[in-house]
């Protein structure tokens, strides 16, 4: 597995990078995990979600917030600096358990990462992602082509979750976001610290390789 840190990258640019890599992974090259942050963007999944957007597109444009349609599963979510995004471009046909095991391992890696920072989190049947008693810590939504995954997970790290005020979180009435810093009640950990721990947790569950 290759693990590549893209830094801060626009949503559309990250999609293009994944699409290019997907064809190569599907053809037999090694799985690749991209770690990154996005500038403010609200995304609609392939199951829609526009009805859960609480602000007009013109309002978003005035504030430099991108509105994007995505090939991933699920409905509406958002990304922003202070949220760690992980995009696994993995050929799941090579692994036992298929997509069900793939999702379970992603959720497990996030639960393990949260625990490393003293935060108790869990997966919930029927609600993809990772949750705490306060709310949703991490969203997960993937796309699959030629038995190869792309898109992935978004783990809230920082305290500023204000972009979620513009949507109904994942289309779930009453759902509230939370983050590692909110759960801990302090301005740590940083995205960089979480990135290292999450990379190790995913590597342990999927493969073994040095951080690229």
N, C-alpha and C. Protein backbone atom coordinates (compact mmCIF):
# COMPACT_ATOMS: atom_id res chain seq x y z
N UNK A 1 0.83 -1.20 0.00
CA UNK A 1 0.00 0.00 0.00
C UNK A 1 0.86 1.25 0.00
N UNK A 2 0.54 2.18 -0.88
CA UNK A 2 1.16 3.50 -0.85
C UNK A 2 0.27 4.43 -0.04
N UNK A 3 0.86 5.27 0.81
CA UNK A 3 0.12 6.28 1.58
C UNK A 3 0.69 7.64 1.20
N UNK A 4 -0.16 8.49 0.64
CA UNK A 4 0.30 9.76 0.08
C UNK A 4 -0.45 10.91 0.73
N UNK A 5 0.29 11.87 1.27
CA UNK A 5 -0.27 13.06 1.89
C UNK A 5 -0.38 14.15 0.82
N UNK A 6 -1.62 14.54 0.49
CA UNK A 6 -1.84 15.56 -0.54
C UNK A 6 -1.94 16.97 0.04
N UNK A 7 -1.98 17.09 1.37
CA UNK A 7 -2.12 18.41 1.96
C UNK A 7 -3.51 18.97 1.75
N UNK A 8 -3.61 20.29 1.50
CA UNK A 8 -4.89 20.94 1.25
C UNK A 8 -5.13 20.96 -0.25
N UNK A 9 -6.22 20.32 -0.70
CA UNK A 9 -6.45 20.16 -2.13
C UNK A 9 -7.94 20.32 -2.43
N UNK A 10 -8.26 20.98 -3.54
CA UNK A 10 -9.65 21.19 -3.94
C UNK A 10 -10.34 19.85 -4.19
N UNK A 11 -11.64 19.81 -3.94
CA UNK A 11 -12.40 18.58 -4.08
C UNK A 11 -12.30 18.02 -5.50
N UNK A 12 -12.46 18.87 -6.50
CA UNK A 12 -12.42 18.41 -7.89
C UNK A 12 -11.04 17.86 -8.25
N UNK A 13 -9.99 18.49 -7.73
CA UNK A 13 -8.64 18.00 -8.02
C UNK A 13 -8.41 16.64 -7.37
N UNK A 14 -8.92 16.45 -6.16
CA UNK A 14 -8.77 15.16 -5.49
C UNK A 14 -9.54 14.07 -6.23
N UNK A 15 -10.72 14.41 -6.77
CA UNK A 15 -11.46 13.43 -7.56
C UNK A 15 -10.67 13.01 -8.79
N UNK A 16 -10.04 13.98 -9.46
CA UNK A 16 -9.27 13.66 -10.66
C UNK A 16 -8.09 12.76 -10.33
N UNK A 17 -7.43 13.03 -9.20
CA UNK A 17 -6.30 12.21 -8.78
C UNK A 17 -6.77 10.78 -8.51
N UNK A 18 -7.90 10.65 -7.83
CA UNK A 18 -8.42 9.31 -7.53
C UNK A 18 -8.82 8.56 -8.80
N UNK A 19 -9.48 9.24 -9.71
CA UNK A 19 -9.91 8.58 -10.94
C UNK A 19 -8.71 8.02 -11.72
N UNK A 20 -7.67 8.82 -11.79
CA UNK A 20 -6.48 8.39 -12.53
C UNK A 20 -5.84 7.18 -11.84
N UNK A 21 -5.77 7.23 -10.53
CA UNK A 21 -5.15 6.14 -9.79
C UNK A 21 -6.02 4.88 -9.80
N UNK A 22 -7.34 5.07 -9.80
CA UNK A 22 -8.26 3.94 -9.77
C UNK A 22 -8.02 2.98 -10.92
N UNK A 23 -7.88 3.49 -12.12
CA UNK A 23 -7.68 2.63 -13.28
C UNK A 23 -6.39 1.82 -13.15
N UNK A 24 -5.38 2.43 -12.56
CA UNK A 24 -4.10 1.73 -12.41
C UNK A 24 -4.18 0.66 -11.33
N UNK A 25 -4.87 0.98 -10.23
CA UNK A 25 -5.04 -0.02 -9.16
C UNK A 25 -5.90 -1.18 -9.66
N UNK A 26 -6.97 -0.88 -10.39
CA UNK A 26 -7.82 -1.93 -10.93
C UNK A 26 -7.06 -2.84 -11.89
N UNK A 27 -6.03 -2.27 -12.54
CA UNK A 27 -5.23 -3.05 -13.49
C UNK A 27 -4.11 -3.84 -12.81
N UNK A 28 -3.97 -3.68 -11.48
CA UNK A 28 -3.01 -4.50 -10.77
C UNK A 28 -1.95 -3.76 -9.98
N UNK A 29 -1.89 -2.43 -10.07
CA UNK A 29 -0.90 -1.69 -9.28
C UNK A 29 -1.35 -1.65 -7.82
N UNK A 30 -0.44 -1.25 -6.93
CA UNK A 30 -0.71 -1.37 -5.50
C UNK A 30 -1.79 -0.38 -5.03
N UNK A 31 -2.52 -0.81 -4.00
CA UNK A 31 -3.51 0.05 -3.37
C UNK A 31 -2.87 1.36 -2.91
N UNK A 32 -3.66 2.44 -2.92
CA UNK A 32 -3.15 3.75 -2.55
C UNK A 32 -4.12 4.45 -1.63
N UNK A 33 -3.62 4.99 -0.52
CA UNK A 33 -4.41 5.76 0.42
C UNK A 33 -3.96 7.22 0.35
N UNK A 34 -4.91 8.11 0.04
CA UNK A 34 -4.64 9.55 0.02
C UNK A 34 -5.16 10.17 1.31
N UNK A 35 -4.33 10.98 1.96
CA UNK A 35 -4.71 11.73 3.16
C UNK A 35 -4.64 13.22 2.83
N UNK A 36 -5.65 13.98 3.25
CA UNK A 36 -5.74 15.37 2.81
C UNK A 36 -6.77 16.14 3.61
N UNK A 37 -6.83 17.45 3.34
CA UNK A 37 -7.90 18.32 3.77
C UNK A 37 -8.45 19.03 2.54
N UNK A 38 -9.71 19.46 2.63
CA UNK A 38 -10.33 20.22 1.54
C UNK A 38 -10.62 21.65 1.98
N UNK A 39 -10.54 22.62 1.06
CA UNK A 39 -11.16 23.92 1.32
C UNK A 39 -12.66 23.71 1.50
N UNK A 40 -13.39 24.69 2.05
CA UNK A 40 -14.82 24.48 2.34
C UNK A 40 -15.62 24.03 1.11
N UNK A 41 -16.30 22.89 1.23
CA UNK A 41 -17.09 22.34 0.14
C UNK A 41 -18.24 21.52 0.73
N UNK A 42 -19.41 21.65 0.14
CA UNK A 42 -20.55 20.81 0.47
C UNK A 42 -20.77 19.87 -0.70
N UNK A 43 -20.89 18.58 -0.41
CA UNK A 43 -21.00 17.60 -1.49
C UNK A 43 -22.32 16.84 -1.39
N UNK A 44 -22.88 16.55 -2.54
CA UNK A 44 -24.10 15.76 -2.66
C UNK A 44 -23.72 14.40 -3.25
N UNK A 45 -24.12 13.32 -2.59
CA UNK A 45 -23.78 11.98 -3.04
C UNK A 45 -24.66 11.52 -4.18
N UNK A 46 -24.40 10.32 -4.65
CA UNK A 46 -25.15 9.81 -5.80
C UNK A 46 -26.60 9.50 -5.45
N UNK A 47 -26.94 9.50 -4.15
CA UNK A 47 -28.33 9.31 -3.74
C UNK A 47 -29.03 10.65 -3.52
N UNK A 48 -28.41 11.73 -3.97
CA UNK A 48 -29.02 13.04 -3.87
C UNK A 48 -28.64 13.75 -2.59
N UNK A 49 -29.61 14.42 -1.98
CA UNK A 49 -29.34 15.13 -0.74
C UNK A 49 -29.56 16.62 -0.84
N UNK A 50 -29.91 17.12 -2.05
CA UNK A 50 -30.11 18.55 -2.21
C UNK A 50 -31.20 19.10 -1.32
N UNK A 51 -32.18 18.26 -0.96
CA UNK A 51 -33.26 18.72 -0.09
C UNK A 51 -32.77 19.00 1.33
N UNK A 52 -31.56 18.55 1.64
CA UNK A 52 -31.00 18.77 2.98
C UNK A 52 -29.99 19.91 3.00
N UNK A 53 -29.89 20.65 1.90
CA UNK A 53 -29.06 21.84 1.85
C UNK A 53 -29.87 23.01 2.40
N UNK A 54 -29.36 23.68 3.43
CA UNK A 54 -30.12 24.70 4.13
C UNK A 54 -29.74 26.12 3.72
N UNK A 55 -28.95 26.26 2.67
CA UNK A 55 -28.54 27.58 2.18
C UNK A 55 -28.60 27.58 0.66
N UNK A 56 -28.91 28.72 0.08
CA UNK A 56 -28.98 28.85 -1.38
C UNK A 56 -27.58 28.77 -1.98
N UNK A 57 -27.45 28.20 -3.18
CA UNK A 57 -26.14 28.15 -3.84
C UNK A 57 -25.48 29.53 -3.95
N UNK A 58 -26.25 30.58 -4.16
CA UNK A 58 -25.68 31.92 -4.25
C UNK A 58 -25.03 32.33 -2.93
N UNK A 59 -25.65 31.95 -1.82
CA UNK A 59 -25.09 32.24 -0.49
C UNK A 59 -23.75 31.53 -0.33
N UNK A 60 -23.69 30.28 -0.77
CA UNK A 60 -22.43 29.53 -0.67
C UNK A 60 -21.35 30.19 -1.51
N UNK A 61 -21.69 30.56 -2.75
CA UNK A 61 -20.70 31.15 -3.66
C UNK A 61 -20.15 32.44 -3.09
N UNK A 62 -21.01 33.25 -2.48
CA UNK A 62 -20.55 34.52 -1.90
C UNK A 62 -19.52 34.30 -0.81
N UNK A 63 -19.57 33.17 -0.16
CA UNK A 63 -18.68 32.87 0.97
C UNK A 63 -17.55 31.92 0.60
N UNK A 64 -17.40 31.68 -0.69
CA UNK A 64 -16.30 30.85 -1.15
C UNK A 64 -16.46 29.38 -0.84
N UNK A 65 -17.71 28.93 -0.67
CA UNK A 65 -17.99 27.53 -0.37
C UNK A 65 -18.43 26.84 -1.66
N UNK A 66 -17.73 25.81 -2.05
CA UNK A 66 -18.05 25.08 -3.27
C UNK A 66 -19.21 24.11 -3.02
N UNK A 67 -20.07 23.96 -4.00
CA UNK A 67 -21.11 22.95 -3.98
C UNK A 67 -20.79 21.94 -5.08
N UNK A 68 -20.61 20.68 -4.71
CA UNK A 68 -20.14 19.68 -5.67
C UNK A 68 -21.01 18.43 -5.63
N UNK A 69 -21.21 17.83 -6.79
CA UNK A 69 -21.86 16.53 -6.90
C UNK A 69 -20.78 15.45 -6.92
N UNK A 70 -21.03 14.38 -6.20
CA UNK A 70 -20.02 13.35 -6.01
C UNK A 70 -20.54 11.98 -6.43
N UNK A 71 -19.63 11.11 -6.81
CA UNK A 71 -19.98 9.74 -7.18
C UNK A 71 -20.10 8.83 -5.97
N UNK A 72 -19.76 9.32 -4.79
CA UNK A 72 -19.79 8.47 -3.59
C UNK A 72 -21.23 8.13 -3.21
N UNK A 73 -21.37 7.13 -2.35
CA UNK A 73 -22.66 6.81 -1.78
C UNK A 73 -23.06 7.82 -0.73
N UNK A 74 -24.27 7.68 -0.22
CA UNK A 74 -24.77 8.60 0.79
C UNK A 74 -25.38 9.84 0.20
N UNK A 75 -25.73 10.78 1.07
CA UNK A 75 -26.38 12.01 0.62
C UNK A 75 -25.46 13.20 0.82
N UNK A 76 -25.82 14.11 1.71
CA UNK A 76 -25.09 15.37 1.81
C UNK A 76 -24.09 15.34 2.96
N UNK A 77 -22.93 15.96 2.74
CA UNK A 77 -21.97 16.17 3.81
C UNK A 77 -21.10 17.37 3.43
N UNK A 78 -20.12 17.68 4.26
CA UNK A 78 -19.25 18.81 3.96
C UNK A 78 -17.83 18.53 4.41
N UNK A 79 -16.90 19.26 3.81
CA UNK A 79 -15.48 19.15 4.12
C UNK A 79 -14.90 20.54 4.30
N UNK A 80 -13.82 20.64 5.07
CA UNK A 80 -13.25 21.95 5.42
C UNK A 80 -11.90 21.72 6.09
N UNK A 81 -11.05 22.74 6.13
CA UNK A 81 -9.78 22.60 6.87
C UNK A 81 -10.07 22.31 8.34
N UNK A 82 -9.29 21.41 8.91
CA UNK A 82 -9.55 20.94 10.26
C UNK A 82 -10.28 19.63 10.29
N UNK A 83 -10.65 19.12 9.12
CA UNK A 83 -11.26 17.80 8.98
C UNK A 83 -10.29 16.95 8.16
N UNK A 84 -9.94 15.78 8.67
CA UNK A 84 -9.01 14.90 7.98
C UNK A 84 -9.79 13.96 7.05
N UNK A 85 -9.46 14.00 5.77
CA UNK A 85 -10.11 13.16 4.78
C UNK A 85 -9.13 12.06 4.36
N UNK A 86 -9.65 10.85 4.23
CA UNK A 86 -8.85 9.71 3.76
C UNK A 86 -9.58 9.05 2.60
N UNK A 87 -8.91 8.96 1.46
CA UNK A 87 -9.48 8.33 0.27
C UNK A 87 -8.71 7.06 -0.06
N UNK A 88 -9.24 5.89 0.27
CA UNK A 88 -8.58 4.63 -0.07
C UNK A 88 -8.96 4.18 -1.48
N UNK A 89 -8.00 4.11 -2.35
CA UNK A 89 -8.20 3.55 -3.69
C UNK A 89 -7.67 2.12 -3.61
N UNK A 90 -8.57 1.21 -3.22
CA UNK A 90 -8.21 -0.16 -2.90
C UNK A 90 -8.99 -1.13 -3.79
N UNK A 91 -8.31 -2.18 -4.23
CA UNK A 91 -8.96 -3.22 -5.03
C UNK A 91 -9.55 -4.24 -4.06
N UNK A 92 -10.85 -4.14 -3.77
CA UNK A 92 -11.44 -4.95 -2.72
C UNK A 92 -11.61 -6.41 -3.10
N UNK A 93 -11.57 -6.72 -4.39
CA UNK A 93 -11.70 -8.12 -4.80
C UNK A 93 -10.52 -8.95 -4.29
N UNK A 94 -9.43 -8.29 -3.92
CA UNK A 94 -8.25 -9.00 -3.42
C UNK A 94 -8.39 -9.39 -1.95
N UNK A 95 -9.40 -8.84 -1.25
CA UNK A 95 -9.50 -9.02 0.19
C UNK A 95 -10.71 -9.89 0.54
N UNK A 96 -10.59 -10.74 1.56
CA UNK A 96 -11.75 -11.51 2.02
C UNK A 96 -12.79 -10.58 2.64
N UNK A 97 -14.05 -10.93 2.48
CA UNK A 97 -15.11 -10.16 3.12
C UNK A 97 -15.73 -9.09 2.25
N UNK A 98 -15.09 -8.77 1.11
CA UNK A 98 -15.67 -7.81 0.18
C UNK A 98 -15.92 -6.45 0.79
N UNK A 99 -16.97 -5.78 0.29
CA UNK A 99 -17.26 -4.41 0.71
C UNK A 99 -17.71 -4.32 2.17
N UNK A 100 -18.42 -5.34 2.65
CA UNK A 100 -18.86 -5.32 4.04
C UNK A 100 -17.65 -5.25 4.99
N UNK A 101 -16.67 -6.09 4.71
CA UNK A 101 -15.45 -6.08 5.54
C UNK A 101 -14.68 -4.78 5.35
N UNK A 102 -14.68 -4.25 4.12
CA UNK A 102 -13.99 -2.99 3.84
C UNK A 102 -14.55 -1.87 4.71
N UNK A 103 -15.89 -1.73 4.75
CA UNK A 103 -16.51 -0.69 5.57
C UNK A 103 -16.20 -0.91 7.04
N UNK A 104 -16.31 -2.14 7.50
CA UNK A 104 -16.05 -2.44 8.90
C UNK A 104 -14.63 -2.09 9.29
N UNK A 105 -13.69 -2.35 8.39
CA UNK A 105 -12.29 -2.05 8.69
C UNK A 105 -12.04 -0.54 8.71
N UNK A 106 -12.69 0.20 7.80
CA UNK A 106 -12.54 1.66 7.84
C UNK A 106 -13.09 2.22 9.15
N UNK A 107 -14.29 1.79 9.51
CA UNK A 107 -14.87 2.27 10.77
C UNK A 107 -13.99 1.86 11.95
N UNK A 108 -13.49 0.64 11.93
CA UNK A 108 -12.63 0.18 13.01
C UNK A 108 -11.36 0.99 13.13
N UNK A 109 -10.78 1.39 12.00
CA UNK A 109 -9.57 2.21 12.03
C UNK A 109 -9.84 3.57 12.66
N UNK A 110 -11.02 4.14 12.39
CA UNK A 110 -11.37 5.43 12.99
C UNK A 110 -11.63 5.28 14.48
N UNK A 111 -12.33 4.23 14.88
CA UNK A 111 -12.57 3.98 16.31
C UNK A 111 -11.24 3.83 17.04
N UNK A 112 -10.31 3.11 16.45
CA UNK A 112 -8.98 2.93 17.04
C UNK A 112 -8.23 4.25 17.13
N UNK A 113 -8.34 5.07 16.10
CA UNK A 113 -7.68 6.37 16.10
C UNK A 113 -8.25 7.27 17.19
N UNK A 114 -9.57 7.31 17.31
CA UNK A 114 -10.18 8.12 18.37
C UNK A 114 -9.72 7.65 19.75
N UNK A 115 -9.66 6.34 19.95
CA UNK A 115 -9.24 5.79 21.24
C UNK A 115 -7.82 6.20 21.58
N UNK A 116 -6.97 6.32 20.55
CA UNK A 116 -5.58 6.71 20.78
C UNK A 116 -5.49 8.11 21.39
N UNK A 117 -6.54 8.91 21.19
CA UNK A 117 -6.57 10.27 21.75
C UNK A 117 -7.56 10.38 22.91
N UNK A 118 -7.94 9.24 23.47
CA UNK A 118 -8.79 9.22 24.65
C UNK A 118 -10.26 9.47 24.39
N UNK A 119 -10.70 9.26 23.15
CA UNK A 119 -12.10 9.50 22.79
C UNK A 119 -12.79 8.17 22.51
N UNK A 120 -13.88 7.91 23.21
CA UNK A 120 -14.65 6.69 23.00
C UNK A 120 -15.60 6.89 21.83
N UNK A 121 -15.51 6.04 20.82
CA UNK A 121 -16.34 6.14 19.63
C UNK A 121 -16.77 4.75 19.21
N UNK A 122 -17.78 4.70 18.33
CA UNK A 122 -18.32 3.41 17.92
C UNK A 122 -18.97 3.52 16.55
N UNK A 123 -19.13 2.38 15.90
CA UNK A 123 -19.97 2.29 14.71
C UNK A 123 -21.37 1.93 15.16
N UNK A 124 -22.38 2.28 14.33
CA UNK A 124 -23.77 2.02 14.67
C UNK A 124 -24.45 1.35 13.49
N UNK A 125 -25.10 0.23 13.74
CA UNK A 125 -25.79 -0.50 12.68
C UNK A 125 -26.82 0.39 12.00
N UNK A 126 -26.77 0.43 10.69
CA UNK A 126 -27.71 1.22 9.92
C UNK A 126 -27.33 2.66 9.72
N UNK A 127 -26.25 3.10 10.37
CA UNK A 127 -25.79 4.49 10.25
C UNK A 127 -24.30 4.49 9.95
N UNK A 128 -23.91 4.48 8.67
CA UNK A 128 -22.49 4.42 8.32
C UNK A 128 -21.71 5.57 8.94
N UNK A 129 -20.49 5.28 9.33
CA UNK A 129 -19.65 6.28 9.96
C UNK A 129 -19.30 5.89 11.38
N UNK A 130 -18.78 6.87 12.12
CA UNK A 130 -18.35 6.63 13.50
C UNK A 130 -18.96 7.72 14.38
N UNK A 131 -19.45 7.32 15.56
CA UNK A 131 -20.23 8.19 16.42
C UNK A 131 -19.68 8.18 17.85
N UNK A 132 -19.95 9.26 18.58
CA UNK A 132 -19.75 9.30 20.02
C UNK A 132 -21.10 9.60 20.66
N UNK A 133 -21.14 9.71 21.97
CA UNK A 133 -22.40 10.06 22.63
C UNK A 133 -22.87 11.45 22.22
N UNK A 134 -21.93 12.35 21.87
CA UNK A 134 -22.30 13.71 21.47
C UNK A 134 -22.85 13.77 20.05
N UNK A 135 -22.30 12.97 19.14
CA UNK A 135 -22.73 13.08 17.76
C UNK A 135 -21.84 12.33 16.80
N UNK A 136 -21.90 12.74 15.53
CA UNK A 136 -21.17 12.04 14.48
C UNK A 136 -19.76 12.60 14.37
N UNK A 137 -18.80 11.71 14.54
CA UNK A 137 -17.39 12.08 14.50
C UNK A 137 -16.80 11.94 13.11
N UNK A 138 -17.27 10.96 12.36
CA UNK A 138 -16.68 10.65 11.06
C UNK A 138 -17.75 10.15 10.10
N UNK A 139 -17.76 10.71 8.89
CA UNK A 139 -18.65 10.24 7.83
C UNK A 139 -17.89 9.34 6.87
N UNK A 140 -18.59 8.35 6.33
CA UNK A 140 -17.98 7.44 5.36
C UNK A 140 -18.90 7.30 4.16
N UNK A 141 -18.35 7.48 2.97
CA UNK A 141 -19.10 7.28 1.74
C UNK A 141 -18.13 6.94 0.62
N UNK A 142 -18.35 5.84 -0.05
CA UNK A 142 -17.41 5.40 -1.07
C UNK A 142 -18.12 5.16 -2.40
N UNK A 143 -17.33 5.10 -3.44
CA UNK A 143 -17.78 4.66 -4.75
C UNK A 143 -16.93 3.45 -5.13
N UNK A 144 -17.46 2.60 -6.00
CA UNK A 144 -16.73 1.41 -6.42
C UNK A 144 -16.85 1.27 -7.94
N UNK A 145 -15.71 1.06 -8.58
CA UNK A 145 -15.69 0.80 -10.01
C UNK A 145 -14.62 -0.25 -10.28
N UNK A 146 -14.98 -1.26 -11.05
CA UNK A 146 -14.06 -2.36 -11.36
C UNK A 146 -13.51 -2.98 -10.07
N UNK A 147 -14.41 -3.12 -9.08
CA UNK A 147 -14.04 -3.68 -7.78
C UNK A 147 -12.95 -2.88 -7.07
N UNK A 148 -12.85 -1.62 -7.40
CA UNK A 148 -11.86 -0.74 -6.78
C UNK A 148 -12.58 0.45 -6.15
N UNK A 149 -12.26 0.75 -4.89
CA UNK A 149 -12.93 1.82 -4.16
C UNK A 149 -12.27 3.17 -4.41
N UNK A 150 -13.07 4.22 -4.25
CA UNK A 150 -12.53 5.58 -4.17
C UNK A 150 -13.49 6.39 -3.30
N UNK A 151 -13.17 7.65 -3.06
CA UNK A 151 -13.79 8.42 -1.98
C UNK A 151 -13.48 7.70 -0.67
N UNK A 152 -14.17 8.02 0.43
CA UNK A 152 -13.77 7.36 1.66
C UNK A 152 -14.35 7.98 2.91
N UNK A 153 -13.48 8.48 3.81
CA UNK A 153 -13.95 8.94 5.11
C UNK A 153 -13.50 10.37 5.41
N UNK A 154 -14.27 11.02 6.30
CA UNK A 154 -13.95 12.39 6.72
C UNK A 154 -14.08 12.44 8.24
N UNK A 155 -12.95 12.62 8.92
CA UNK A 155 -12.87 12.59 10.38
C UNK A 155 -12.71 14.02 10.90
N UNK A 156 -13.67 14.48 11.69
CA UNK A 156 -13.61 15.83 12.24
C UNK A 156 -12.58 15.90 13.36
N UNK A 157 -11.63 16.81 13.21
CA UNK A 157 -10.56 16.97 14.20
C UNK A 157 -10.70 18.29 14.95
N UNK A 158 -10.80 19.42 14.23
CA UNK A 158 -10.84 20.74 14.84
C UNK A 158 -12.19 21.09 15.45
N UNK A 159 -12.24 22.24 16.14
CA UNK A 159 -13.45 22.64 16.85
C UNK A 159 -14.47 23.35 15.97
N UNK A 160 -14.02 23.95 14.87
CA UNK A 160 -14.93 24.73 14.03
C UNK A 160 -15.69 23.81 13.09
N UNK A 161 -16.93 23.53 13.44
CA UNK A 161 -17.80 22.67 12.63
C UNK A 161 -18.95 23.48 12.03
N UNK A 162 -18.76 24.80 11.90
CA UNK A 162 -19.85 25.69 11.51
C UNK A 162 -20.41 25.39 10.12
N UNK A 163 -19.61 24.79 9.24
CA UNK A 163 -20.12 24.49 7.90
C UNK A 163 -21.29 23.50 7.97
N UNK A 164 -21.31 22.66 8.99
CA UNK A 164 -22.42 21.71 9.15
C UNK A 164 -23.75 22.43 9.42
N UNK A 165 -23.70 23.70 9.85
CA UNK A 165 -24.93 24.45 10.10
C UNK A 165 -25.72 24.68 8.81
N UNK A 166 -25.07 24.50 7.66
CA UNK A 166 -25.71 24.78 6.37
C UNK A 166 -26.34 23.54 5.76
N UNK A 167 -26.28 22.41 6.47
CA UNK A 167 -26.87 21.16 5.95
C UNK A 167 -27.56 20.40 7.07
N UNK A 168 -28.42 19.47 6.69
CA UNK A 168 -28.90 18.45 7.63
C UNK A 168 -27.91 17.31 7.53
N UNK A 169 -27.15 17.10 8.56
CA UNK A 169 -26.00 16.20 8.54
C UNK A 169 -26.37 14.82 8.00
N UNK A 170 -25.80 14.48 6.84
CA UNK A 170 -26.03 13.18 6.19
C UNK A 170 -27.52 12.90 5.95
N UNK A 171 -28.35 13.96 5.97
CA UNK A 171 -29.78 13.79 5.77
C UNK A 171 -30.49 13.17 6.96
N UNK A 172 -29.87 13.16 8.14
CA UNK A 172 -30.44 12.55 9.33
C UNK A 172 -30.94 13.65 10.25
N UNK A 173 -32.25 13.81 10.37
CA UNK A 173 -32.82 14.84 11.23
C UNK A 173 -32.35 14.65 12.67
N UNK A 174 -31.89 15.74 13.27
CA UNK A 174 -31.46 15.71 14.65
C UNK A 174 -30.03 15.30 14.87
N UNK A 175 -29.35 14.82 13.82
CA UNK A 175 -27.95 14.42 13.98
C UNK A 175 -27.07 15.66 14.17
N UNK A 176 -26.08 15.54 15.00
CA UNK A 176 -25.16 16.65 15.28
C UNK A 176 -23.72 16.18 15.08
N UNK A 177 -22.87 17.06 14.57
CA UNK A 177 -21.47 16.68 14.42
C UNK A 177 -20.69 16.88 15.71
N UNK A 178 -19.60 16.17 15.83
CA UNK A 178 -18.65 16.41 16.90
C UNK A 178 -17.25 16.22 16.33
N UNK A 179 -16.24 16.47 17.13
CA UNK A 179 -14.85 16.35 16.66
C UNK A 179 -13.96 15.87 17.79
N UNK A 180 -12.76 15.48 17.44
CA UNK A 180 -11.82 15.02 18.47
C UNK A 180 -11.50 16.12 19.47
N UNK A 181 -11.31 17.36 18.98
CA UNK A 181 -11.00 18.46 19.91
C UNK A 181 -12.19 18.78 20.81
N UNK A 182 -13.40 18.74 20.26
CA UNK A 182 -14.58 18.98 21.09
C UNK A 182 -14.72 17.89 22.14
N UNK A 183 -14.53 16.66 21.74
CA UNK A 183 -14.65 15.55 22.68
C UNK A 183 -13.62 15.66 23.80
N UNK A 184 -12.43 16.11 23.47
CA UNK A 184 -11.36 16.21 24.45
C UNK A 184 -11.44 17.50 25.27
N UNK A 185 -12.15 18.51 24.76
CA UNK A 185 -12.26 19.77 25.47
C UNK A 185 -10.99 20.58 25.45
N UNK A 186 -10.18 20.42 24.40
CA UNK A 186 -8.92 21.16 24.28
C UNK A 186 -8.53 21.29 22.83
N UNK A 187 -7.52 22.11 22.57
CA UNK A 187 -7.12 22.40 21.19
C UNK A 187 -6.11 21.39 20.65
N UNK A 188 -6.26 20.19 21.02
CA UNK A 188 -5.44 19.10 20.49
C UNK A 188 -6.32 17.86 20.40
N UNK A 189 -6.00 16.94 19.50
CA UNK A 189 -4.78 16.86 18.67
C UNK A 189 -4.91 17.71 17.41
N UNK A 190 -3.79 17.87 16.73
CA UNK A 190 -3.77 18.55 15.44
C UNK A 190 -4.12 17.55 14.33
N UNK A 191 -4.46 18.09 13.16
CA UNK A 191 -4.72 17.22 12.01
C UNK A 191 -3.47 16.38 11.71
N UNK A 192 -2.29 16.99 11.79
CA UNK A 192 -1.05 16.26 11.49
C UNK A 192 -0.87 15.08 12.43
N UNK A 193 -1.18 15.27 13.72
CA UNK A 193 -1.04 14.17 14.68
C UNK A 193 -2.03 13.06 14.38
N UNK A 194 -3.26 13.43 14.06
CA UNK A 194 -4.28 12.44 13.77
C UNK A 194 -3.95 11.70 12.48
N UNK A 195 -3.40 12.42 11.52
CA UNK A 195 -3.06 11.83 10.23
C UNK A 195 -2.11 10.64 10.41
N UNK A 196 -1.11 10.80 11.24
CA UNK A 196 -0.14 9.73 11.46
C UNK A 196 -0.81 8.51 12.10
N UNK A 197 -1.66 8.75 13.09
CA UNK A 197 -2.31 7.65 13.80
C UNK A 197 -3.30 6.93 12.89
N UNK A 198 -4.09 7.70 12.13
CA UNK A 198 -5.06 7.08 11.23
C UNK A 198 -4.36 6.28 10.14
N UNK A 199 -3.27 6.82 9.60
CA UNK A 199 -2.51 6.09 8.58
C UNK A 199 -2.04 4.75 9.12
N UNK A 200 -1.53 4.74 10.34
CA UNK A 200 -1.06 3.49 10.94
C UNK A 200 -2.22 2.51 11.15
N UNK A 201 -3.38 3.03 11.59
CA UNK A 201 -4.52 2.17 11.86
C UNK A 201 -5.04 1.53 10.57
N UNK A 202 -5.11 2.31 9.50
CA UNK A 202 -5.57 1.76 8.22
C UNK A 202 -4.54 0.79 7.66
N UNK A 203 -3.26 1.12 7.78
CA UNK A 203 -2.22 0.23 7.28
C UNK A 203 -2.27 -1.12 7.97
N UNK A 204 -2.49 -1.12 9.28
CA UNK A 204 -2.54 -2.38 10.02
C UNK A 204 -3.69 -3.26 9.56
N UNK A 205 -4.80 -2.63 9.18
CA UNK A 205 -5.98 -3.40 8.78
C UNK A 205 -5.96 -3.82 7.31
N UNK A 206 -5.21 -3.10 6.48
CA UNK A 206 -5.27 -3.35 5.05
C UNK A 206 -3.94 -3.80 4.43
N UNK A 207 -2.82 -3.32 4.96
CA UNK A 207 -1.53 -3.64 4.36
C UNK A 207 -0.43 -3.14 5.27
N UNK A 208 0.81 -3.24 4.77
CA UNK A 208 1.96 -2.72 5.53
C UNK A 208 2.89 -2.04 4.54
N UNK A 209 3.14 -0.74 4.78
CA UNK A 209 4.07 0.00 3.93
C UNK A 209 4.45 1.28 4.63
N UNK A 210 5.61 1.89 4.30
CA UNK A 210 6.00 3.16 4.88
C UNK A 210 5.15 4.29 4.33
N UNK A 211 4.99 5.39 5.08
CA UNK A 211 4.29 6.58 4.62
C UNK A 211 5.06 7.22 3.49
N UNK A 212 4.41 7.47 2.35
CA UNK A 212 5.07 8.08 1.18
C UNK A 212 4.98 9.58 1.25
